[in-house]
Amino acid sequence: MSNLPAEEIRIIEFGEEDAKEISDLFRQVWPLANEYPEHWRKKRMYTVDQIRQDMKDGFHYFGSRLQGSIVGVYRAKITEKGLFGEHQTVRPECRT
């Protein structure tokens, strides 16, 4: 990934139309994260409906696209206490 020109990678906020691709990424990445307990990993494999509901509830999903495909995502929400963020998910071949 480090040898790719920066203009090949786009950082954007995703919308409801991206929910299926985000869900597919979760289902690709989380089963491989063996450093976490299985029950924890399963909870992070959100469905399309869960992602869309999250977005309606004020969560923002943003991340990166490479050659048109989502390769990384992060979930965040501004709360009364500050910024709550979690769920960083990156395709294994795109990690440095």
PDB file of N, CA and C in Angstrom:
ATOM      1  N   MET A   1       0.817  -1.188   0.000  1.00  0.00           N
ATOM      2  CA  MET A   1       0.000   0.000   0.000  1.00  0.00           C
ATOM      3  C   MET A   1       0.863   1.255   0.000  1.00  0.00           C
ATOM      4  N   SER A   2       1.985   1.219   0.696  1.00  0.00           N
ATOM      5  CA  SER A   2       2.813   2.418   0.790  1.00  0.00           C
ATOM      6  C   SER A   2       3.392   2.832  -0.558  1.00  0.00           C
ATOM      7  N   ASN A   3       3.423   1.930  -1.523  1.00  0.00           N
ATOM      8  CA  ASN A   3       3.962   2.283  -2.833  1.00  0.00           C
ATOM      9  C   ASN A   3       2.889   2.847  -3.766  1.00  0.00           C
ATOM     10  N   LEU A   4       1.644   2.957  -3.297  1.00  0.00           N
ATOM     11  CA  LEU A   4       0.580   3.525  -4.115  1.00  0.00           C
ATOM     12  C   LEU A   4       0.584   5.044  -4.001  1.00  0.00           C
ATOM     13  N   PRO A   5       0.388   5.729  -5.112  1.00  0.00           N
ATOM     14  CA  PRO A   5       0.302   7.188  -5.035  1.00  0.00           C
ATOM     15  C   PRO A   5      -0.921   7.601  -4.212  1.00  0.00           C
ATOM     16  N   ALA A   6      -0.789   8.668  -3.443  1.00  0.00           N
ATOM     17  CA  ALA A   6      -1.878   9.122  -2.567  1.00  0.00           C
ATOM     18  C   ALA A   6      -3.162   9.387  -3.340  1.00  0.00           C
ATOM     19  N   GLU A   7      -3.055   9.822  -4.583  1.00  0.00           N
ATOM     20  CA  GLU A   7      -4.265  10.122  -5.353  1.00  0.00           C
ATOM     21  C   GLU A   7      -5.087   8.870  -5.681  1.00  0.00           C
ATOM     22  N   GLU A   8      -4.530   7.705  -5.459  1.00  0.00           N
ATOM     23  CA  GLU A   8      -5.261   6.458  -5.682  1.00  0.00           C
ATOM     24  C   GLU A   8      -6.200   6.136  -4.521  1.00  0.00           C
ATOM     25  N   ILE A   9      -5.941   6.717  -3.359  1.00  0.00           N
ATOM     26  CA  ILE A   9      -6.713   6.423  -2.154  1.00  0.00           C
ATOM     27  C   ILE A   9      -7.562   7.644  -1.823  1.00  0.00           C
ATOM     28  N   ARG A  10      -8.855   7.432  -1.601  1.00  0.00           N
ATOM     29  CA  ARG A  10      -9.773   8.522  -1.284  1.00  0.00           C
ATOM     30  C   ARG A  10     -10.338   8.329   0.116  1.00  0.00           C
ATOM     31  N   ILE A  11     -10.365   9.383   0.908  1.00  0.00           N
ATOM     32  CA  ILE A  11     -10.986   9.369   2.227  1.00  0.00           C
ATOM     33  C   ILE A  11     -12.327  10.084   2.087  1.00  0.00           C
ATOM     34  N   ILE A  12     -13.401   9.387   2.466  1.00  0.00           N
ATOM     35  CA  ILE A  12     -14.738   9.955   2.303  1.00  0.00           C
ATOM     36  C   ILE A  12     -15.651   9.518   3.443  1.00  0.00           C
ATOM     37  N   GLU A  13     -16.782  10.225   3.560  1.00  0.00           N
ATOM     38  CA  GLU A  13     -17.840   9.771   4.458  1.00  0.00           C
ATOM     39  C   GLU A  13     -18.799   8.935   3.625  1.00  0.00           C
ATOM     40  N   PHE A  14     -19.179   7.799   4.169  1.00  0.00           N
ATOM     41  CA  PHE A  14     -20.071   6.894   3.460  1.00  0.00           C
ATOM     42  C   PHE A  14     -21.521   7.201   3.799  1.00  0.00           C
ATOM     43  N   GLY A  15     -22.419   6.809   2.898  1.00  0.00           N
ATOM     44  CA  GLY A  15     -23.850   6.983   3.095  1.00  0.00           C
ATOM     45  C   GLY A  15     -24.560   5.644   3.123  1.00  0.00           C
ATOM     46  N   GLU A  16     -25.879   5.702   3.283  1.00  0.00           N
ATOM     47  CA  GLU A  16     -26.670   4.475   3.354  1.00  0.00           C
ATOM     48  C   GLU A  16     -26.495   3.599   2.117  1.00  0.00           C
ATOM     49  N   GLU A  17     -26.232   4.216   0.983  1.00  0.00           N
ATOM     50  CA  GLU A  17     -26.030   3.446  -0.251  1.00  0.00           C
ATOM     51  C   GLU A  17     -24.768   2.582  -0.190  1.00  0.00           C
ATOM     52  N   ASP A  18     -23.888   2.852   0.768  1.00  0.00           N
ATOM     53  CA  ASP A  18     -22.651   2.084   0.927  1.00  0.00           C
ATOM     54  C   ASP A  18     -22.776   0.970   1.963  1.00  0.00           C
ATOM     55  N   ALA A  19     -23.941   0.837   2.590  1.00  0.00           N
ATOM     56  CA  ALA A  19     -24.104  -0.098   3.709  1.00  0.00           C
ATOM     57  C   ALA A  19     -23.774  -1.539   3.336  1.00  0.00           C
ATOM     58  N   LYS A  20     -24.159  -1.987   2.157  1.00  0.00           N
ATOM     59  CA  LYS A  20     -23.869  -3.376   1.774  1.00  0.00           C
ATOM     60  C   LYS A  20     -22.370  -3.592   1.644  1.00  0.00           C
ATOM     61  N   GLU A  21     -21.690  -2.661   1.022  1.00  0.00           N
ATOM     62  CA  GLU A  21     -20.241  -2.808   0.846  1.00  0.00           C
ATOM     63  C   GLU A  21     -19.512  -2.752   2.194  1.00  0.00           C
ATOM     64  N   ILE A  22     -19.991  -1.915   3.112  1.00  0.00           N
ATOM     65  CA  ILE A  22     -19.407  -1.857   4.453  1.00  0.00           C
ATOM     66  C   ILE A  22     -19.635  -3.177   5.175  1.00  0.00           C
ATOM     67  N   SER A  23     -20.860  -3.686   5.107  1.00  0.00           N
ATOM     68  CA  SER A  23     -21.179  -4.968   5.743  1.00  0.00           C
ATOM     69  C   SER A  23     -20.310  -6.088   5.169  1.00  0.00           C
ATOM     70  N   ASP A  24     -20.136  -6.084   3.858  1.00  0.00           N
ATOM     71  CA  ASP A  24     -19.281  -7.096   3.219  1.00  0.00           C
ATOM     72  C   ASP A  24     -17.847  -7.003   3.742  1.00  0.00           C
ATOM     73  N   LEU A  25     -17.351  -5.777   3.928  1.00  0.00           N
ATOM     74  CA  LEU A  25     -15.997  -5.591   4.458  1.00  0.00           C
ATOM     75  C   LEU A  25     -15.903  -6.147   5.875  1.00  0.00           C
ATOM     76  N   PHE A  26     -16.896  -5.848   6.727  1.00  0.00           N
ATOM     77  CA  PHE A  26     -16.905  -6.395   8.086  1.00  0.00           C
ATOM     78  C   PHE A  26     -16.859  -7.916   8.057  1.00  0.00           C
ATOM     79  N   ARG A  27     -17.630  -8.516   7.180  1.00  0.00           N
ATOM     80  CA  ARG A  27     -17.705  -9.983   7.107  1.00  0.00           C
ATOM     81  C   ARG A  27     -16.435 -10.591   6.505  1.00  0.00           C
ATOM     82  N   GLN A  28     -15.688  -9.794   5.766  1.00  0.00           N
ATOM     83  CA  GLN A  28     -14.409 -10.266   5.227  1.00  0.00           C
ATOM     84  C   GLN A  28     -13.308 -10.180   6.286  1.00  0.00           C
ATOM     85  N   VAL A  29     -13.281  -9.088   7.040  1.00  0.00           N
ATOM     86  CA  VAL A  29     -12.160  -8.803   7.932  1.00  0.00           C
ATOM     87  C   VAL A  29     -12.293  -9.443   9.305  1.00  0.00           C
ATOM     88  N   TRP A  30     -13.451  -9.314   9.956  1.00  0.00           N
ATOM     89  CA  TRP A  30     -13.554  -9.720  11.356  1.00  0.00           C
ATOM     90  C   TRP A  30     -13.369 -11.208  11.613  1.00  0.00           C
ATOM     91  N   PRO A  31     -13.758 -12.106  10.725  1.00  0.00           N
ATOM     92  CA  PRO A  31     -13.473 -13.526  10.999  1.00  0.00           C
ATOM     93  C   PRO A  31     -11.971 -13.828  11.078  1.00  0.00           C
ATOM     94  N   LEU A  32     -11.146 -12.973  10.490  1.00  0.00           N
ATOM     95  CA  LEU A  32      -9.696 -13.189  10.469  1.00  0.00           C
ATOM     96  C   LEU A  32      -8.978 -12.588  11.671  1.00  0.00           C
ATOM     97  N   ALA A  33      -9.683 -11.808  12.482  1.00  0.00           N
ATOM     98  CA  ALA A  33      -9.056 -11.099  13.607  1.00  0.00           C
ATOM     99  C   ALA A  33      -8.981 -12.012  14.823  1.00  0.00           C
ATOM    100  N   ASN A  34      -8.169 -13.042  14.722  1.00  0.00           N
ATOM    101  CA  ASN A  34      -8.101 -14.085  15.754  1.00  0.00           C
ATOM    102  C   ASN A  34      -7.541 -13.617  17.091  1.00  0.00           C
ATOM    103  N   GLU A  35      -7.002 -12.414  17.147  1.00  0.00           N
ATOM    104  CA  GLU A  35      -6.506 -11.897  18.419  1.00  0.00           C
ATOM    105  C   GLU A  35      -7.654 -11.480  19.348  1.00  0.00           C
ATOM    106  N   TYR A  36      -8.875 -11.446  18.813  1.00  0.00           N
ATOM    107  CA  TYR A  36     -10.061 -11.106  19.600  1.00  0.00           C
ATOM    108  C   TYR A  36     -10.921 -12.347  19.793  1.00  0.00           C
ATOM    109  N   PRO A  37     -11.690 -12.404  20.881  1.00  0.00           N
ATOM    110  CA  PRO A  37     -12.575 -13.555  21.100  1.00  0.00           C
ATOM    111  C   PRO A  37     -13.634 -13.653  19.996  1.00  0.00           C
ATOM    112  N   GLU A  38     -14.028 -14.869  19.687  1.00  0.00           N
ATOM    113  CA  GLU A  38     -14.977 -15.095  18.591  1.00  0.00           C
ATOM    114  C   GLU A  38     -16.293 -14.353  18.805  1.00  0.00           C
ATOM    115  N   HIS A  39     -16.833 -14.390  20.025  1.00  0.00           N
ATOM    116  CA  HIS A  39     -18.117 -13.712  20.268  1.00  0.00           C
ATOM    117  C   HIS A  39     -17.999 -12.205  20.030  1.00  0.00           C
ATOM    118  N   TRP A  40     -16.865 -11.636  20.321  1.00  0.00           N
ATOM    119  CA  TRP A  40     -16.627 -10.208  20.107  1.00  0.00           C
ATOM    120  C   TRP A  40     -16.567  -9.905  18.614  1.00  0.00           C
ATOM    121  N   ARG A  41     -15.869 -10.756  17.861  1.00  0.00           N
ATOM    122  CA  ARG A  41     -15.740 -10.561  16.409  1.00  0.00           C
ATOM    123  C   ARG A  41     -17.088 -10.680  15.721  1.00  0.00           C
ATOM    124  N   LYS A  42     -17.902 -11.638  16.142  1.00  0.00           N
ATOM    125  CA  LYS A  42     -19.218 -11.831  15.519  1.00  0.00           C
ATOM    126  C   LYS A  42     -20.099 -10.596  15.698  1.00  0.00           C
ATOM    127  N   LYS A  43     -19.992  -9.945  16.863  1.00  0.00           N
ATOM    128  CA  LYS A  43     -20.797  -8.747  17.119  1.00  0.00           C
ATOM    129  C   LYS A  43     -20.400  -7.588  16.205  1.00  0.00           C
ATOM    130  N   ARG A  44     -19.204  -7.614  15.660  1.00  0.00           N
ATOM    131  CA  ARG A  44     -18.737  -6.533  14.800  1.00  0.00           C
ATOM    132  C   ARG A  44     -19.068  -6.746  13.328  1.00  0.00           C
ATOM    133  N   MET A  45     -19.658  -7.850  12.999  1.00  0.00           N
ATOM    134  CA  MET A  45     -20.042  -8.124  11.612  1.00  0.00           C
ATOM    135  C   MET A  45     -21.470  -7.624  11.387  1.00  0.00           C
ATOM    136  N   TYR A  46     -21.614  -6.299  11.353  1.00  0.00           N
ATOM    137  CA  TYR A  46     -22.925  -5.677  11.229  1.00  0.00           C
ATOM    138  C   TYR A  46     -23.592  -6.028   9.902  1.00  0.00           C
ATOM    139  N   THR A  47     -24.908  -6.123   9.963  1.00  0.00           N
ATOM    140  CA  THR A  47     -25.700  -6.331   8.752  1.00  0.00           C
ATOM    141  C   THR A  47     -25.930  -4.980   8.072  1.00  0.00           C
ATOM    142  N   VAL A  48     -26.434  -5.042   6.856  1.00  0.00           N
ATOM    143  CA  VAL A  48     -26.783  -3.828   6.122  1.00  0.00           C
ATOM    144  C   VAL A  48     -27.792  -3.009   6.925  1.00  0.00           C
ATOM    145  N   ASP A  49     -28.803  -3.677   7.473  1.00  0.00           N
ATOM    146  CA  ASP A  49     -29.832  -2.968   8.248  1.00  0.00           C
ATOM    147  C   ASP A  49     -29.255  -2.317   9.499  1.00  0.00           C
ATOM    148  N   GLN A  50     -28.319  -2.987  10.181  1.00  0.00           N
ATOM    149  CA  GLN A  50     -27.694  -2.401  11.371  1.00  0.00           C
ATOM    150  C   GLN A  50     -26.910  -1.136  11.010  1.00  0.00           C
ATOM    151  N   ILE A  51     -26.208  -1.178   9.905  1.00  0.00           N
ATOM    152  CA  ILE A  51     -25.411  -0.025   9.472  1.00  0.00           C
ATOM    153  C   ILE A  51     -26.330   1.141   9.109  1.00  0.00           C
ATOM    154  N   ARG A  52     -27.380   0.860   8.366  1.00  0.00           N
ATOM    155  CA  ARG A  52     -28.322   1.924   7.996  1.00  0.00           C
ATOM    156  C   ARG A  52     -28.982   2.530   9.227  1.00  0.00           C
ATOM    157  N   GLN A  53     -29.350   1.696  10.189  1.00  0.00           N
ATOM    158  CA  GLN A  53     -29.963   2.208  11.411  1.00  0.00           C
ATOM    159  C   GLN A  53     -28.968   3.060  12.196  1.00  0.00           C
ATOM    160  N   ASP A  54     -27.718   2.603  12.259  1.00  0.00           N
ATOM    161  CA  ASP A  54     -26.660   3.394  12.897  1.00  0.00           C
ATOM    162  C   ASP A  54     -26.589   4.794  12.289  1.00  0.00           C
ATOM    163  N   MET A  55     -26.601   4.852  10.971  1.00  0.00           N
ATOM    164  CA  MET A  55     -26.506   6.137  10.277  1.00  0.00           C
ATOM    165  C   MET A  55     -27.702   7.023  10.618  1.00  0.00           C
ATOM    166  N   LYS A  56     -28.879   6.438  10.696  1.00  0.00           N
ATOM    167  CA  LYS A  56     -30.079   7.204  11.072  1.00  0.00           C
ATOM    168  C   LYS A  56     -29.992   7.681  12.515  1.00  0.00           C
ATOM    169  N   ASP A  57     -29.277   6.924  13.351  1.00  0.00           N
ATOM    170  CA  ASP A  57     -29.123   7.263  14.766  1.00  0.00           C
ATOM    171  C   ASP A  57     -27.957   8.218  15.028  1.00  0.00           C
ATOM    172  N   GLY A  58     -27.338   8.726  13.965  1.00  0.00           N
ATOM    173  CA  GLY A  58     -26.303   9.740  14.132  1.00  0.00           C
ATOM    174  C   GLY A  58     -24.871   9.267  14.024  1.00  0.00           C
ATOM    175  N   PHE A  59     -24.652   7.979  13.765  1.00  0.00           N
ATOM    176  CA  PHE A  59     -23.282   7.506  13.565  1.00  0.00           C
ATOM    177  C   PHE A  59     -22.829   7.860  12.154  1.00  0.00           C
ATOM    178  N   HIS A  60     -21.564   8.214  12.044  1.00  0.00           N
ATOM    179  CA  HIS A  60     -20.946   8.500  10.748  1.00  0.00           C
ATOM    180  C   HIS A  60     -19.980   7.370  10.440  1.00  0.00           C
ATOM    181  N   TYR A  61     -20.050   6.887   9.232  1.00  0.00           N
ATOM    182  CA  TYR A  61     -19.106   5.884   8.751  1.00  0.00           C
ATOM    183  C   TYR A  61     -18.248   6.586   7.715  1.00  0.00           C
ATOM    184  N   PHE A  62     -16.960   6.569   7.922  1.00  0.00           N
ATOM    185  CA  PHE A  62     -16.070   7.159   6.942  1.00  0.00           C
ATOM    186  C   PHE A  62     -14.859   6.259   6.791  1.00  0.00           C
ATOM    187  N   GLY A  63     -14.143   6.462   5.715  1.00  0.00           N
ATOM    188  CA  GLY A  63     -12.984   5.624   5.481  1.00  0.00           C
ATOM    189  C   GLY A  63     -12.396   5.875   4.119  1.00  0.00           C
ATOM    190  N   SER A  64     -11.862   4.824   3.534  1.00  0.00           N
ATOM    191  CA  SER A  64     -11.135   5.001   2.286  1.00  0.00           C
ATOM    192  C   SER A  64     -11.632   4.071   1.195  1.00  0.00           C
ATOM    193  N   ARG A  65     -11.505   4.599   0.002  1.00  0.00           N
ATOM    194  CA  ARG A  65     -11.768   3.825  -1.211  1.00  0.00           C
ATOM    195  C   ARG A  65     -10.466   3.758  -1.999  1.00  0.00           C
ATOM    196  N   LEU A  66     -10.242   2.622  -2.585  1.00  0.00           N
ATOM    197  CA  LEU A  66      -9.096   2.421  -3.462  1.00  0.00           C
ATOM    198  C   LEU A  66      -9.633   1.842  -4.754  1.00  0.00           C
ATOM    199  N   GLN A  67      -9.423   2.542  -5.837  1.00  0.00           N
ATOM    200  CA  GLN A  67      -9.921   2.124  -7.147  1.00  0.00           C
ATOM    201  C   GLN A  67     -11.416   1.809  -7.091  1.00  0.00           C
ATOM    202  N   GLY A  68     -12.149   2.652  -6.360  1.00  0.00           N
ATOM    203  CA  GLY A  68     -13.598   2.542  -6.296  1.00  0.00           C
ATOM    204  C   GLY A  68     -14.153   1.636  -5.219  1.00  0.00           C
ATOM    205  N   SER A  69     -13.327   0.810  -4.590  1.00  0.00           N
ATOM    206  CA  SER A  69     -13.805  -0.140  -3.578  1.00  0.00           C
ATOM    207  C   SER A  69     -13.446   0.334  -2.175  1.00  0.00           C
ATOM    208  N   ILE A  70     -14.370   0.106  -1.228  1.00  0.00           N
ATOM    209  CA  ILE A  70     -14.089   0.438   0.164  1.00  0.00           C
ATOM    210  C   ILE A  70     -13.033  -0.528   0.692  1.00  0.00           C
ATOM    211  N   VAL A  71     -11.949   0.032   1.224  1.00  0.00           N
ATOM    212  CA  VAL A  71     -10.874  -0.799   1.780  1.00  0.00           C
ATOM    213  C   VAL A  71     -10.669  -0.559   3.269  1.00  0.00           C
ATOM    214  N   GLY A  72     -11.300   0.483   3.804  1.00  0.00           N
ATOM    215  CA  GLY A  72     -11.197   0.762   5.226  1.00  0.00           C
ATOM    216  C   GLY A  72     -12.378   1.587   5.689  1.00  0.00           C
ATOM    217  N   VAL A  73     -12.778   1.382   6.943  1.00  0.00           N
ATOM    218  CA  VAL A  73     -13.929   2.107   7.481  1.00  0.00           C
ATOM    219  C   VAL A  73     -13.734   2.345   8.978  1.00  0.00           C
ATOM    220  N   TYR A  74     -14.332   3.429   9.467  1.00  0.00           N
ATOM    221  CA  TYR A  74     -14.336   3.766  10.887  1.00  0.00           C
ATOM    222  C   TYR A  74     -15.714   4.321  11.213  1.00  0.00           C
ATOM    223  N   ARG A  75     -16.187   4.065  12.417  1.00  0.00           N
ATOM    224  CA  ARG A  75     -17.530   4.457  12.851  1.00  0.00           C
ATOM    225  C   ARG A  75     -17.378   5.456  13.990  1.00  0.00           C
ATOM    226  N   ALA A  76     -18.065   6.607  13.888  1.00  0.00           N
ATOM    227  CA  ALA A  76     -17.918   7.638  14.914  1.00  0.00           C
ATOM    228  C   ALA A  76     -19.224   8.388  15.131  1.00  0.00           C
ATOM    229  N   LYS A  77     -19.361   8.909  16.360  1.00  0.00           N
ATOM    230  CA  LYS A  77     -20.537   9.703  16.711  1.00  0.00           C
ATOM    231  C   LYS A  77     -20.112  10.747  17.735  1.00  0.00           C
ATOM    232  N   ILE A  78     -20.613  11.957  17.567  1.00  0.00           N
ATOM    233  CA  ILE A  78     -20.376  12.997  18.556  1.00  0.00           C
ATOM    234  C   ILE A  78     -21.472  12.879  19.603  1.00  0.00           C
ATOM    235  N   THR A  79     -21.064  12.752  20.866  1.00  0.00           N
ATOM    236  CA  THR A  79     -22.006  12.612  21.974  1.00  0.00           C
ATOM    237  C   THR A  79     -21.866  13.817  22.903  1.00  0.00           C
ATOM    238  N   GLU A  80     -22.683  13.852  23.943  1.00  0.00           N
ATOM    239  CA  GLU A  80     -22.588  14.942  24.919  1.00  0.00           C
ATOM    240  C   GLU A  80     -21.249  14.915  25.657  1.00  0.00           C
ATOM    241  N   LYS A  81     -20.571  13.771  25.652  1.00  0.00           N
ATOM    242  CA  LYS A  81     -19.274  13.644  26.326  1.00  0.00           C
ATOM    243  C   LYS A  81     -18.092  13.885  25.391  1.00  0.00           C
ATOM    244  N   GLY A  82     -18.344  13.953  24.094  1.00  0.00           N
ATOM    245  CA  GLY A  82     -17.260  14.131  23.138  1.00  0.00           C
ATOM    246  C   GLY A  82     -17.405  13.181  21.964  1.00  0.00           C
ATOM    247  N   LEU A  83     -16.294  12.783  21.396  1.00  0.00           N
ATOM    248  CA  LEU A  83     -16.304  11.898  20.234  1.00  0.00           C
ATOM    249  C   LEU A  83     -16.219  10.447  20.671  1.00  0.00           C
ATOM    250  N   PHE A  84     -17.140   9.643  20.173  1.00  0.00           N
ATOM    251  CA  PHE A  84     -17.112   8.199  20.392  1.00  0.00           C
ATOM    252  C   PHE A  84     -16.785   7.566  19.050  1.00  0.00           C
ATOM    253  N   GLY A  85     -15.702   6.819  18.987  1.00  0.00           N
ATOM    254  CA  GLY A  85     -15.319   6.175  17.742  1.00  0.00           C
ATOM    255  C   GLY A  85     -14.883   4.749  17.982  1.00  0.00           C
ATOM    256  N   GLU A  86     -15.167   3.907  17.014  1.00  0.00           N
ATOM    257  CA  GLU A  86     -14.778   2.500  17.116  1.00  0.00           C
ATOM    258  C   GLU A  86     -14.931   1.828  15.762  1.00  0.00           C
ATOM    259  N   HIS A  87     -14.645   0.553  15.759  1.00  0.00           N
ATOM    260  CA  HIS A  87     -14.947  -0.317  14.626  1.00  0.00           C
ATOM    261  C   HIS A  87     -14.022  -0.083  13.437  1.00  0.00           C
ATOM    262  N   GLN A  88     -12.773   0.274  13.699  1.00  0.00           N
ATOM    263  CA  GLN A  88     -11.834   0.422  12.590  1.00  0.00           C
ATOM    264  C   GLN A  88     -11.684  -0.924  11.905  1.00  0.00           C
ATOM    265  N   THR A  89     -11.885  -0.928  10.605  1.00  0.00           N
ATOM    266  CA  THR A  89     -11.835  -2.157   9.819  1.00  0.00           C
ATOM    267  C   THR A  89     -11.103  -1.863   8.517  1.00  0.00           C
ATOM    268  N   VAL A  90     -10.031  -2.605   8.254  1.00  0.00           N
ATOM    269  CA  VAL A  90      -9.216  -2.385   7.057  1.00  0.00           C
ATOM    270  C   VAL A  90      -8.929  -3.729   6.406  1.00  0.00           C
ATOM    271  N   ARG A  91      -9.119  -3.795   5.088  1.00  0.00           N
ATOM    272  CA  ARG A  91      -8.789  -5.028   4.371  1.00  0.00           C
ATOM    273  C   ARG A  91      -7.341  -5.397   4.643  1.00  0.00           C
ATOM    274  N   PRO A  92      -7.065  -6.669   4.929  1.00  0.00           N
ATOM    275  CA  PRO A  92      -5.702  -7.087   5.295  1.00  0.00           C
ATOM    276  C   PRO A  92      -4.630  -6.665   4.288  1.00  0.00           C
ATOM    277  N   GLU A  93      -4.922  -6.736   3.017  1.00  0.00           N
ATOM    278  CA  GLU A  93      -3.904  -6.406   2.013  1.00  0.00           C
ATOM    279  C   GLU A  93      -3.623  -4.909   1.928  1.00  0.00           C
ATOM    280  N   CYS A  94      -4.400  -4.097   2.632  1.00  0.00           N
ATOM    281  CA  CYS A  94      -4.205  -2.647   2.606  1.00  0.00           C
ATOM    282  C   CYS A  94      -3.578  -2.112   3.884  1.00  0.00           C
ATOM    283  N   ARG A  95      -3.208  -2.980   4.785  1.00  0.00           N
ATOM    284  CA  ARG A  95      -2.586  -2.547   6.041  1.00  0.00           C
ATOM    285  C   ARG A  95      -1.085  -2.366   5.846  1.00  0.00           C
ATOM    286  N   THR A  96      -0.521  -1.435   6.616  1.00  0.00           N
ATOM    287  CA  THR A  96       0.928  -1.241   6.536  1.00  0.00           C
ATOM    288  C   THR A  96       1.584  -1.723   7.802  1.00  0.00           C
TER     289      THR A  96
END
